[in-house]
Structure formats: structure tokens, C-alpha cells
Amino acid sequence: MAKLLDGLSRLAGAESGFRRYLVNTSWLMTGRGAQILLGLVVGAWLSRYLGPDRYGGYAFALSFATLFAPLANLGLGQIIVREIVKDPLQRDTVLGTAMGIRLIGTGVAYSLIALGLLFFLPDPETRLAVVLASSAIVLRSLQMLIYYFQAVVKSRQSTIPHLVSLLVSNGLKVLFILLNLDVVAFLWLVLVDAAVYSSLLALAYNKQGLNFSNWRFDRELATGLVKKSWPLMFSLILFTVYMQIDQVMLKFLGENKQVGWYNAAVRLSTATYAIPFVLTNSLFPAILSAAKNNKELFRQRMTRLYHLLIYISTGLILLTWTFADGIIQLIFGTAYAPAAPVLTIQVAGALFVFMGHAAEKWLIAEDKQYYFMLSVLTGAVVNVLLNLWLIPRYGITGAAWATLCAQVLSYHIAPMFFAPSRKVFFIQNLALIQALSGWPLWQFLKNRKHPES
């Protein structure tokens, strides 16, 4: 994996310092790759076992709980990375303060979930499913340790716990399928996965010679972190809304089986989003370093990152368009055939989501994350409105078009509306034109022929 990423970095024209961070990315890619592979294989088996109707109920419970999870996360992840990179000696205070903030956010999330259960979900079976799906939110608070390991470029320490938790939870899913258990049993595994992952992360942190007893909550720092992270928190909430609200709205405006079909397509299209997430998060320390010390190097690194993300996303889109029907039939079976048209629409959004991840890191590095939030807000509002209009008329296909329009607007067009983010809009378009013209590939081949030049 490290060799593959090193080759990709050379294709993007990255210098040796940049490639050093890509090696660290190999561990994150391994974790995400395992998550995608197991999610598709075991998830496909689970969807076939439950059928579209019961699987739709399962997917709805997870989507409903996911809507409120960002309130616990509070967008602190990349702020934690930035603060530790900036001042490593403040590690214990930053982590202790972030944990306190996350626990407060978790309380808010559970309060809103309780209100949702009370006023919108009268069905006892659906209520139980949502309670189980949201039970792991508090345990995931410790998973902010991932960002500490990112900051010190030691993602191996967080990836191994991730791999173990994936093997445990997916192994139990297979066992439960063989035992012919009901949906509720599979929802309990959400809690099991979070417990295993968080426990092993805590152990990995202790093995670094670090101690949780040294963590300190600083009220002044907490105020500063919240001020810096609230735009990211709202961006994350809004992103979650327009990635999950379609499934929730399909439940209320349609049927469980429609949620099941739609979720099958979503699982495949969003699996590709792990690539920009891993690349941009692992490279974030390098991006921060360049933004702080060398603006020209910062611009070059961001442009190369855009080229890389554009090529990867375009390749994935073309492959999916070619084989969408066969992919759905192979993975989920004929019962999920209506998901194929949805997949062809949704996967087109990968290009804009990939570029959006890079844009977010650019704006965080320049302390302009507020404008990313405004862009995502625009897309979220449009997504909800389009879903209200399109779902009753076109069902799951309408929901897919609503999400695609929201992605194009929030990740590509909206940054043009705000002066501080307008530069990102122009750089995105320049990188897109360059990538589609083949210029980075020509530079790559030229450097291969004349490595000394």
C-alpha cells in the first residue's frame, strides 16, 4: 500500500517531504480499505439475508442516529490536529479539554434523539432500533484519539485497533446471520464495535507512555476550541443532513423497501468517499506546515492534491457507470435491482465530494472554515427542499438527483459566492481543467524520462 501511494504521489508531482506523509496514509488507507471491503461483503450478505424491507428498517435506524452524531463530535477533529501540531507541549490540555467538550455535545445529541423518538417515532419497534443504533455515541468520544495519532503522524497506532474492531463486529454479523437472528441483534453490534475500538485506542495511547490522568480541562481553551470548531461542527451536521436526510425522508414519504434499495446504492457510492477522507486527513499536517512556512509550497501541494483526487474520482465514476447493473446484481442480488439507476446518479457526485475534502482542508489551514460551513449550508438547504419536491414524484431516483445537485452546489459552486473562499473556487476549476487536459500526466511522464531535470 505504501508503494502504491508513493507512486500516486509521484503522479501528482509531490516532493519528497510530501511523500513522507503519504507513507503514513498507507495505514489509514488500510483501515478504510478493510472497512469498505468488509462493509460491502458482510453488508451485502446482511442485506440479502434481511431483504429490502427489514434492511430498510435497519438502515433507517442507523441514518436517524447518524443525523445527531455530529453534535457529539462538534467538528473538533482537525482543530485538535492543528492545535497539537502548533504546540505539541499542550497535548494533554488540548485532549482533556476536547474530551470535556465532546461529552457535553454527547448529552445534547442524546437529548435531541429522545425528543425525536417522543414526537416523530411512535412505533415501539422503530424506537428500539434507533435507541440501539445511537447507543454507541458516548463510547465514540474516546475515538478522538485518532486525531492525536494523525497529528504526530503515527496512524498505525489507530489503524490496528480499527482493524480488530472491524473483524470482531463483522465476524459477529456473520455468526448472527448463520444463527438466523433478527434485526435487533445486528443493531447491538453497533455498541460492540464502538466498545472494542475505543478500548483498543485507549490501550494504544497508554502504550505510547502517555496517561489519561494527565489530561486537563481548560475553560479558556475550551472557549477558543469551540469558537474555532463551530463552523466545522455545523458543516459536519449539514454534511450529515444531506447525506442521511434522504433515507430518513424516504421512510416518512415512502416505504421501508425503498430505504433498503436506496441504502444499497448509498453504501457503494459513499464507499469511495473514504479515499479523499484518508488522503486529506493524513496529509493535513504537511498542508498546515506549508501554509505556515511557505505559501507557494502550500499552493503547489494543494493543486497537486486536487489533481490526484480528480483523477481517482473520475476513474471511479467511469467504472461505476459502465458496470452499475452488474455490480448491484453481484453484490446485493436481484431483489435490489432498483438500486442500479440510483448508483449511476449518486456516484457522479464523487468528483465534487473529492474536491470538497481538499477545499475544506485549504480553508481550515487559512482559518476560514466559516465559509466552508456556509457552502455546505447552501447545499443542505437545497437538498432538503429538492427531496420534498422530488421524492413524492420520482421516489428513490428523485432522492439521488437531490443529493447530486446539493453536492455540486455546496462543494463546487457555492465557494464562488463568498470572497474569502472564492480563491478555492478558481483553484478548483484550474486544477480540473489541467487534470482533464492531461497536463499533470504529461508532467509525470516528462519527469520520468528526465528525472534529473
Protein backbone atom coordinates (compact mmCIF):
# COMPACT_ATOMS: atom_id res chain seq x y z
CA MET A 1 0.00 0.00 0.00
CA ALA A 2 2.83 2.42 0.86
CA LYS A 3 4.44 1.75 -2.55
CA LEU A 4 1.13 2.36 -4.30
CA LEU A 5 0.66 5.70 -2.56
CA ASP A 6 4.23 6.69 -3.25
CA GLY A 7 3.58 6.07 -6.94
CA LEU A 8 0.40 8.14 -6.80
CA SER A 9 2.27 10.96 -5.10
CA ARG A 10 4.83 10.95 -7.91
CA LEU A 11 1.97 11.13 -10.42
CA ALA A 12 0.74 14.22 -8.56
CA GLY A 13 4.25 15.70 -8.69
CA ALA A 14 4.80 15.63 -4.94
CA GLU A 15 8.21 16.38 -3.50
CA SER A 16 9.95 14.04 -1.03
CA GLY A 17 8.64 15.85 2.06
CA PHE A 18 5.09 15.44 0.81
CA ARG A 19 5.65 11.75 0.05
CA ARG A 20 6.75 11.20 3.66
CA TYR A 21 3.20 11.94 4.76
CA LEU A 22 1.76 9.69 2.05
CA VAL A 23 3.57 6.72 3.60
CA ASN A 24 1.64 7.41 6.80
CA THR A 25 -1.50 7.49 4.65
CA SER A 26 -0.97 3.83 3.78
CA TRP A 27 -2.07 2.87 7.28
CA LEU A 28 -5.20 4.98 7.10
CA MET A 29 -5.94 3.57 3.65
CA THR A 30 -5.51 0.05 5.01
CA GLY A 31 -8.05 0.71 7.75
CA ARG A 32 -10.54 2.36 5.42
CA GLY A 33 -9.97 -0.28 2.77
CA ALA A 34 -10.73 -3.05 5.24
CA GLN A 35 -13.82 -1.17 6.39
CA ILE A 36 -15.06 -0.81 2.82
CA LEU A 37 -14.29 -4.41 1.88
CA LEU A 38 -15.86 -5.94 4.97
CA GLY A 39 -18.75 -3.49 4.78
CA LEU A 40 -19.50 -4.50 1.21
CA VAL A 41 -19.03 -8.26 1.63
CA VAL A 42 -20.69 -8.72 5.02
CA GLY A 43 -23.10 -5.83 4.42
CA ALA A 44 -24.23 -7.41 1.14
CA TRP A 45 -24.75 -10.74 2.89
CA LEU A 46 -26.74 -8.97 5.61
CA SER A 47 -28.88 -7.07 3.09
CA ARG A 48 -29.64 -10.29 1.21
CA TYR A 49 -30.47 -12.05 4.49
CA LEU A 50 -32.80 -9.32 5.78
CA GLY A 51 -34.36 -8.43 2.40
CA PRO A 52 -35.17 -4.88 1.23
CA ASP A 53 -37.98 -4.30 3.77
CA ARG A 54 -36.22 -5.35 7.01
CA TYR A 55 -32.91 -3.99 5.74
CA GLY A 56 -34.65 -0.66 5.10
CA GLY A 57 -35.73 -0.53 8.76
CA TYR A 58 -32.16 -1.32 9.85
CA ALA A 59 -30.73 1.37 7.55
CA PHE A 60 -33.29 3.94 8.76
CA ALA A 61 -32.31 3.42 12.42
CA LEU A 62 -28.63 3.92 11.60
CA SER A 63 -29.37 7.01 9.47
CA PHE A 64 -31.57 8.59 12.15
CA ALA A 65 -28.87 8.11 14.81
CA THR A 66 -26.18 9.38 12.44
CA LEU A 67 -28.05 12.67 11.99
CA PHE A 68 -27.26 13.59 15.61
CA ALA A 69 -23.74 12.13 15.91
CA PRO A 70 -22.00 15.38 14.74
CA LEU A 71 -23.33 17.14 17.86
CA ALA A 72 -21.07 14.81 19.89
CA ASN A 73 -18.11 15.23 17.55
CA LEU A 74 -18.52 19.03 17.37
CA GLY A 75 -16.14 19.30 14.44
CA LEU A 76 -13.15 19.16 16.78
CA GLY A 77 -11.12 16.59 14.85
CA GLN A 78 -8.99 18.76 12.59
CA ILE A 79 -8.83 21.53 15.20
CA ILE A 80 -7.23 19.00 17.58
CA VAL A 81 -4.69 18.13 14.88
CA ARG A 82 -3.94 21.79 14.22
CA GLU A 83 -3.51 22.66 17.91
CA ILE A 84 -1.19 19.72 18.64
CA VAL A 85 0.91 20.34 15.51
CA LYS A 86 1.19 24.00 16.50
CA ASP A 87 2.18 23.30 20.13
CA PRO A 88 2.91 19.63 21.00
CA LEU A 89 3.54 20.52 24.67
CA GLN A 90 -0.15 21.40 25.05
CA ARG A 91 -1.20 17.84 24.10
CA ASP A 92 -2.73 16.85 27.46
CA THR A 93 -4.62 20.10 27.86
CA VAL A 94 -5.93 20.00 24.28
CA LEU A 95 -7.08 16.38 24.56
CA GLY A 96 -8.58 16.80 28.04
CA THR A 97 -10.46 19.93 27.02
CA ALA A 98 -11.68 18.32 23.80
CA MET A 99 -12.97 15.31 25.74
CA GLY A 100 -14.94 17.56 28.09
CA ILE A 101 -16.49 19.40 25.14
CA ARG A 102 -17.36 16.13 23.41
CA LEU A 103 -19.13 14.76 26.49
CA ILE A 104 -21.26 17.91 26.68
CA GLY A 105 -22.06 17.55 22.98
CA THR A 106 -22.98 13.89 23.55
CA GLY A 107 -25.52 14.94 26.17
CA VAL A 108 -27.08 17.38 23.70
CA ALA A 109 -27.21 14.70 21.00
CA TYR A 110 -28.99 12.21 23.27
CA SER A 111 -31.49 14.88 24.35
CA LEU A 112 -32.44 15.62 20.74
CA ILE A 113 -32.67 11.91 19.89
CA ALA A 114 -35.06 11.48 22.84
CA LEU A 115 -37.24 14.32 21.53
CA GLY A 116 -37.23 12.76 18.07
CA LEU A 117 -38.34 9.42 19.50
CA LEU A 118 -41.10 11.12 21.51
CA PHE A 119 -42.63 13.25 18.75
CA PHE A 120 -41.79 11.57 15.43
CA LEU A 121 -41.36 7.83 16.00
CA PRO A 122 -44.38 6.37 17.83
CA ASP A 123 -43.73 2.80 16.63
CA PRO A 124 -42.12 0.81 19.52
CA GLU A 125 -40.07 -1.39 17.17
CA THR A 126 -38.59 1.63 15.36
CA ARG A 127 -37.90 3.35 18.68
CA LEU A 128 -35.94 0.36 19.96
CA ALA A 129 -33.95 0.19 16.72
CA VAL A 130 -33.00 3.88 16.98
CA VAL A 131 -32.05 3.58 20.67
CA LEU A 132 -29.69 0.69 19.89
CA ALA A 133 -28.25 2.45 16.82
CA SER A 134 -27.46 5.59 18.87
CA SER A 135 -26.17 3.78 21.96
CA ALA A 136 -22.54 3.93 20.82
CA ILE A 137 -22.29 7.72 20.55
CA VAL A 138 -20.90 8.17 24.07
CA LEU A 139 -18.34 5.39 23.61
CA ARG A 140 -17.08 7.02 20.44
CA SER A 141 -15.88 10.03 22.46
CA LEU A 142 -12.55 8.29 23.01
CA GLN A 143 -12.13 7.87 19.28
CA MET A 144 -10.89 11.46 19.15
CA LEU A 145 -7.51 9.83 19.93
CA ILE A 146 -7.40 9.13 16.20
CA TYR A 147 -6.65 12.82 15.69
CA TYR A 148 -3.77 12.76 18.16
CA PHE A 149 -2.15 9.93 16.18
CA GLN A 150 -2.77 11.88 12.95
CA ALA A 151 -1.09 14.96 14.43
CA VAL A 152 2.06 13.03 15.34
CA VAL A 153 1.97 11.06 12.03
CA LYS A 154 1.50 7.67 13.72
CA SER A 155 -1.69 6.43 12.12
CA ARG A 156 -0.55 2.82 12.53
CA GLN A 157 -1.42 3.12 16.22
CA SER A 158 -5.06 3.96 15.47
CA THR A 159 -5.47 1.70 12.44
CA ILE A 160 -4.69 -1.59 14.21
CA PRO A 161 -7.50 -1.07 16.80
CA HIS A 162 -9.79 -0.19 13.91
CA LEU A 163 -8.94 -3.40 12.07
CA VAL A 164 -9.52 -5.52 15.19
CA SER A 165 -12.91 -3.92 15.89
CA LEU A 166 -13.93 -4.44 12.26
CA LEU A 167 -13.02 -8.12 12.43
CA VAL A 168 -14.90 -8.61 15.70
CA SER A 169 -18.10 -6.80 14.68
CA ASN A 170 -18.24 -8.26 11.16
CA GLY A 171 -17.39 -11.74 12.44
CA LEU A 172 -20.34 -11.48 14.83
CA LYS A 173 -22.59 -10.31 11.97
CA VAL A 174 -21.72 -13.46 10.04
CA LEU A 175 -22.39 -15.59 13.13
CA PHE A 176 -25.76 -13.87 13.71
CA ILE A 177 -26.76 -14.48 10.08
CA LEU A 178 -25.90 -18.17 10.43
CA LEU A 179 -27.93 -18.28 13.68
CA ASN A 180 -30.88 -16.67 11.86
CA LEU A 181 -31.21 -13.77 14.35
CA ASP A 182 -33.44 -10.73 13.89
CA VAL A 183 -32.61 -7.08 13.14
CA VAL A 184 -32.30 -6.11 16.82
CA ALA A 185 -29.31 -8.43 17.30
CA PHE A 186 -27.41 -6.71 14.50
CA LEU A 187 -28.10 -3.27 15.98
CA TRP A 188 -26.49 -4.40 19.26
CA LEU A 189 -23.28 -4.84 17.29
CA VAL A 190 -23.06 -1.06 16.82
CA LEU A 191 -22.37 -0.84 20.55
CA VAL A 192 -19.93 -3.78 20.46
CA ASP A 193 -17.91 -2.23 17.62
CA ALA A 194 -17.61 1.14 19.41
CA ALA A 195 -16.62 -0.51 22.71
CA VAL A 196 -13.86 -2.63 21.14
CA TYR A 197 -12.46 0.21 19.03
CA SER A 198 -12.40 2.78 21.85
CA SER A 199 -10.87 0.34 24.34
CA LEU A 200 -8.05 -0.61 21.98
CA LEU A 201 -7.38 3.06 21.12
CA ALA A 202 -7.05 3.83 24.82
CA LEU A 203 -4.61 0.93 25.18
CA ALA A 204 -2.55 2.16 22.20
CA TYR A 205 -2.41 5.64 23.74
CA ASN A 206 -1.16 4.20 27.05
CA LYS A 207 1.47 2.15 25.24
CA GLN A 208 2.97 5.42 23.96
CA GLY A 209 3.91 6.13 27.58
CA LEU A 210 1.03 8.61 27.88
CA ASN A 211 -1.51 8.75 30.68
CA PHE A 212 -5.12 9.88 30.74
CA SER A 213 -4.63 11.16 34.29
CA ASN A 214 -2.51 13.98 32.85
CA TRP A 215 -5.42 15.33 30.82
CA ARG A 216 -6.67 18.72 31.97
CA PHE A 217 -9.80 20.68 31.11
CA ASP A 218 -9.07 24.35 30.45
CA ARG A 219 -12.12 26.61 30.27
CA GLU A 220 -10.35 29.33 28.29
CA LEU A 221 -9.01 26.81 25.79
CA ALA A 222 -12.48 25.22 25.57
CA THR A 223 -13.94 28.59 24.59
CA GLY A 224 -11.24 29.01 21.96
CA LEU A 225 -11.71 25.50 20.56
CA VAL A 226 -15.47 25.92 20.30
CA LYS A 227 -15.04 29.28 18.55
CA LYS A 228 -12.69 27.66 16.06
CA SER A 229 -14.67 24.45 15.60
CA TRP A 230 -18.27 25.61 15.50
CA PRO A 231 -18.21 26.31 11.75
CA LEU A 232 -16.80 22.81 11.22
CA MET A 233 -19.41 21.37 13.59
CA PHE A 234 -22.22 22.94 11.58
CA SER A 235 -20.52 21.87 8.34
CA LEU A 236 -20.41 18.30 9.64
CA ILE A 237 -24.03 18.48 10.77
CA LEU A 238 -25.10 19.87 7.42
CA PHE A 239 -23.00 17.33 5.51
CA THR A 240 -24.60 14.55 7.58
CA VAL A 241 -28.04 16.02 6.94
CA TYR A 242 -27.73 15.92 3.19
CA MET A 243 -26.04 12.51 3.23
CA GLN A 244 -28.64 10.93 5.53
CA ILE A 245 -31.81 13.02 5.30
CA ASP A 246 -32.86 11.39 2.04
CA GLN A 247 -33.04 7.98 3.73
CA VAL A 248 -34.97 9.42 6.68
CA MET A 249 -37.37 11.25 4.36
CA LEU A 250 -37.85 8.12 2.23
CA LYS A 251 -39.03 6.35 5.40
CA PHE A 252 -41.68 9.01 6.05
CA LEU A 253 -42.63 9.64 2.40
CA GLY A 254 -42.21 6.11 1.07
CA GLU A 255 -41.68 2.55 2.29
CA ASN A 256 -39.02 0.57 4.13
CA LYS A 257 -38.05 -1.33 0.98
CA GLN A 258 -37.32 1.97 -0.80
CA VAL A 259 -34.93 2.84 2.03
CA GLY A 260 -33.34 -0.60 1.58
CA TRP A 261 -32.84 -0.12 -2.18
CA TYR A 262 -31.54 3.40 -1.71
CA ASN A 263 -29.16 2.41 1.07
CA ALA A 264 -27.66 -0.32 -1.12
CA ALA A 265 -26.67 2.31 -3.69
CA VAL A 266 -25.50 4.71 -0.96
CA ARG A 267 -23.21 2.08 0.55
CA LEU A 268 -21.43 1.67 -2.78
CA SER A 269 -21.22 5.33 -3.76
CA THR A 270 -20.12 6.60 -0.33
CA ALA A 271 -17.53 3.83 -0.02
CA THR A 272 -15.43 5.85 -2.45
CA TYR A 273 -15.54 8.88 -0.11
CA ALA A 274 -13.07 7.12 2.19
CA ILE A 275 -10.31 7.89 -0.34
CA PRO A 276 -10.35 11.71 -0.08
CA PHE A 277 -11.06 11.48 3.64
CA VAL A 278 -7.94 9.39 4.24
CA LEU A 279 -5.69 11.31 1.85
CA THR A 280 -6.61 14.80 3.07
CA ASN A 281 -6.57 13.88 6.76
CA SER A 282 -3.22 12.13 6.59
CA LEU A 283 -1.68 14.95 4.54
CA PHE A 284 -3.18 17.67 6.75
CA PRO A 285 -0.02 18.12 8.90
CA ALA A 286 2.01 18.65 5.70
CA ILE A 287 -0.59 21.11 4.41
CA LEU A 288 -0.52 23.02 7.71
CA SER A 289 3.26 23.15 7.68
CA ALA A 290 3.34 24.60 4.17
CA ALA A 291 0.55 27.09 4.94
CA LYS A 292 2.55 28.33 7.92
CA ASN A 293 6.02 28.49 6.35
CA ASN A 294 5.78 28.72 2.55
CA LYS A 295 2.65 29.97 0.78
CA GLU A 296 3.89 28.97 -2.67
CA LEU A 297 4.65 25.43 -1.49
CA PHE A 298 1.19 25.37 0.12
CA ARG A 299 -0.46 26.32 -3.19
CA GLN A 300 1.59 23.72 -5.10
CA ARG A 301 0.70 20.96 -2.63
CA MET A 302 -3.00 21.79 -2.76
CA THR A 303 -3.02 21.88 -6.57
CA ARG A 304 -1.27 18.52 -6.76
CA LEU A 305 -3.73 17.10 -4.25
CA TYR A 306 -6.61 18.33 -6.42
CA HIS A 307 -5.09 16.65 -9.49
CA LEU A 308 -4.75 13.36 -7.65
CA LEU A 309 -8.31 13.47 -6.29
CA ILE A 310 -9.78 14.41 -9.68
CA TYR A 311 -8.07 11.51 -11.45
CA ILE A 312 -9.14 8.97 -8.82
CA SER A 313 -12.76 10.15 -8.68
CA THR A 314 -13.13 10.33 -12.47
CA GLY A 315 -11.84 6.79 -12.84
CA LEU A 316 -14.27 5.51 -10.21
CA ILE A 317 -17.20 7.31 -11.87
CA LEU A 318 -16.45 5.83 -15.32
CA LEU A 319 -16.07 2.31 -13.93
CA THR A 320 -19.34 2.56 -12.00
CA TRP A 321 -21.28 3.93 -14.96
CA THR A 322 -20.06 1.02 -17.06
CA PHE A 323 -20.82 -1.78 -14.60
CA ALA A 324 -23.57 -0.39 -12.29
CA ASP A 325 -26.21 -3.04 -13.07
CA GLY A 326 -23.76 -5.89 -12.75
CA ILE A 327 -22.31 -4.52 -9.51
CA ILE A 328 -25.72 -4.29 -7.85
CA GLN A 329 -26.75 -7.77 -9.06
CA LEU A 330 -23.46 -9.33 -7.95
CA ILE A 331 -23.29 -7.74 -4.51
CA PHE A 332 -26.92 -7.37 -3.40
CA GLY A 333 -28.91 -9.70 -5.69
CA THR A 334 -31.90 -9.25 -7.97
CA ALA A 335 -34.12 -8.02 -5.09
CA TYR A 336 -32.07 -4.80 -5.11
CA ALA A 337 -32.12 -4.20 -8.89
CA PRO A 338 -33.94 -0.82 -8.47
CA ALA A 339 -30.77 0.47 -6.78
CA ALA A 340 -28.72 0.45 -10.03
CA PRO A 341 -30.11 3.70 -11.54
CA VAL A 342 -29.65 5.39 -8.17
CA LEU A 343 -26.00 4.31 -8.08
CA THR A 344 -25.25 5.80 -11.51
CA ILE A 345 -26.62 9.15 -10.36
CA GLN A 346 -25.01 9.18 -6.92
CA VAL A 347 -21.52 8.19 -7.99
CA ALA A 348 -21.27 11.29 -10.21
CA GLY A 349 -21.10 13.32 -7.01
CA ALA A 350 -17.75 11.70 -6.15
CA LEU A 351 -15.87 14.28 -8.24
CA PHE A 352 -17.32 17.17 -6.22
CA VAL A 353 -17.07 15.42 -2.85
CA PHE A 354 -13.41 14.59 -3.50
CA MET A 355 -12.62 18.21 -4.36
CA GLY A 356 -14.70 19.37 -1.40
CA HIS A 357 -12.49 17.47 1.04
CA ALA A 358 -9.45 19.32 -0.29
CA ALA A 359 -11.29 22.65 -0.17
CA GLU A 360 -12.20 22.07 3.47
CA LYS A 361 -8.56 21.47 4.43
CA TRP A 362 -7.47 24.57 2.48
CA LEU A 363 -9.92 26.77 4.38
CA ILE A 364 -9.07 25.23 7.76
CA ALA A 365 -5.36 25.82 7.11
CA GLU A 366 -6.15 29.51 6.46
CA ASP A 367 -8.57 29.68 9.44
CA LYS A 368 -11.53 30.35 7.12
CA GLN A 369 -13.62 27.28 7.96
CA TYR A 370 -16.67 29.52 8.49
CA TYR A 371 -17.01 29.91 4.71
CA PHE A 372 -16.91 26.16 4.16
CA MET A 373 -19.82 25.92 6.58
CA LEU A 374 -21.77 28.49 4.54
CA SER A 375 -21.15 26.48 1.36
CA VAL A 376 -22.35 23.26 2.97
CA LEU A 377 -25.36 25.08 4.47
CA THR A 378 -26.39 26.15 0.98
CA GLY A 379 -26.23 22.57 -0.25
CA ALA A 380 -28.08 21.13 2.76
CA VAL A 381 -31.00 23.53 2.40
CA VAL A 382 -31.27 22.82 -1.33
CA ASN A 383 -31.10 19.07 -0.68
CA VAL A 384 -33.98 19.09 1.79
CA LEU A 385 -36.13 21.25 -0.49
CA LEU A 386 -35.39 19.12 -3.54
CA ASN A 387 -36.13 15.93 -1.58
CA LEU A 388 -39.51 17.31 -0.54
CA TRP A 389 -40.28 18.02 -4.18
CA LEU A 390 -38.68 15.03 -5.95
CA ILE A 391 -39.29 12.06 -3.61
CA PRO A 392 -43.12 12.12 -3.89
CA ARG A 393 -42.81 12.34 -7.69
CA TYR A 394 -39.82 10.13 -8.51
CA GLY A 395 -39.08 8.11 -5.35
CA ILE A 396 -35.50 6.93 -4.86
CA THR A 397 -34.33 8.34 -8.20
CA GLY A 398 -35.56 11.79 -7.16
CA ALA A 399 -33.69 11.50 -3.85
CA ALA A 400 -30.49 10.64 -5.73
CA TRP A 401 -30.81 13.68 -8.01
CA ALA A 402 -31.47 15.91 -5.00
CA THR A 403 -28.24 14.77 -3.33
CA LEU A 404 -26.18 15.18 -6.51
CA CYS A 405 -27.44 18.74 -7.05
CA ALA A 406 -26.62 19.58 -3.43
CA GLN A 407 -23.08 18.21 -3.78
CA VAL A 408 -22.37 20.21 -6.94
CA LEU A 409 -23.70 23.37 -5.33
CA SER A 410 -22.02 23.12 -1.93
CA TYR A 411 -18.62 21.74 -2.99
CA HIS A 412 -18.12 23.47 -6.33
CA ILE A 413 -20.37 26.46 -6.95
CA ALA A 414 -21.11 27.97 -3.51
CA PRO A 415 -17.47 28.91 -2.64
CA MET A 416 -17.66 31.42 -5.51
CA PHE A 417 -20.35 33.39 -3.61
CA PHE A 418 -18.04 34.33 -0.69
CA ALA A 419 -14.95 36.48 -1.20
CA PRO A 420 -12.65 34.60 1.26
CA SER A 421 -13.40 31.24 -0.37
CA ARG A 422 -13.50 32.48 -3.97
CA LYS A 423 -9.82 31.64 -4.43
CA VAL A 424 -10.62 28.00 -3.70
CA PHE A 425 -13.29 28.06 -6.43
CA PHE A 426 -10.83 29.33 -9.04
CA ILE A 427 -8.06 26.92 -7.98
CA GLN A 428 -10.54 24.02 -8.14
CA ASN A 429 -11.56 24.93 -11.66
CA LEU A 430 -7.96 25.47 -12.78
CA ALA A 431 -6.97 22.08 -11.34
CA LEU A 432 -9.99 20.47 -13.00
CA ILE A 433 -9.09 21.94 -16.41
CA GLN A 434 -5.45 20.93 -16.00
CA ALA A 435 -6.36 17.38 -14.95
CA LEU A 436 -8.86 16.84 -17.75
CA SER A 437 -6.40 18.27 -20.30
CA GLY A 438 -3.82 15.69 -19.23
CA TRP A 439 -1.21 18.27 -18.19
CA PRO A 440 -0.26 16.59 -14.86
CA LEU A 441 0.10 13.25 -16.67
CA TRP A 442 2.35 14.88 -19.27
CA GLN A 443 4.48 16.39 -16.48
CA PHE A 444 4.69 12.98 -14.81
CA LEU A 445 5.86 11.28 -17.99
CA LYS A 446 8.31 14.11 -18.68
CA ASN A 447 9.84 13.75 -15.21
CA ARG A 448 10.10 10.00 -15.66
CA LYS A 449 12.08 10.47 -18.88
CA HIS A 450 14.27 13.25 -17.46
CA PRO A 451 14.47 12.63 -13.67
CA GLU A 452 17.40 14.99 -13.25
CA SER A 453 15.73 17.99 -14.89
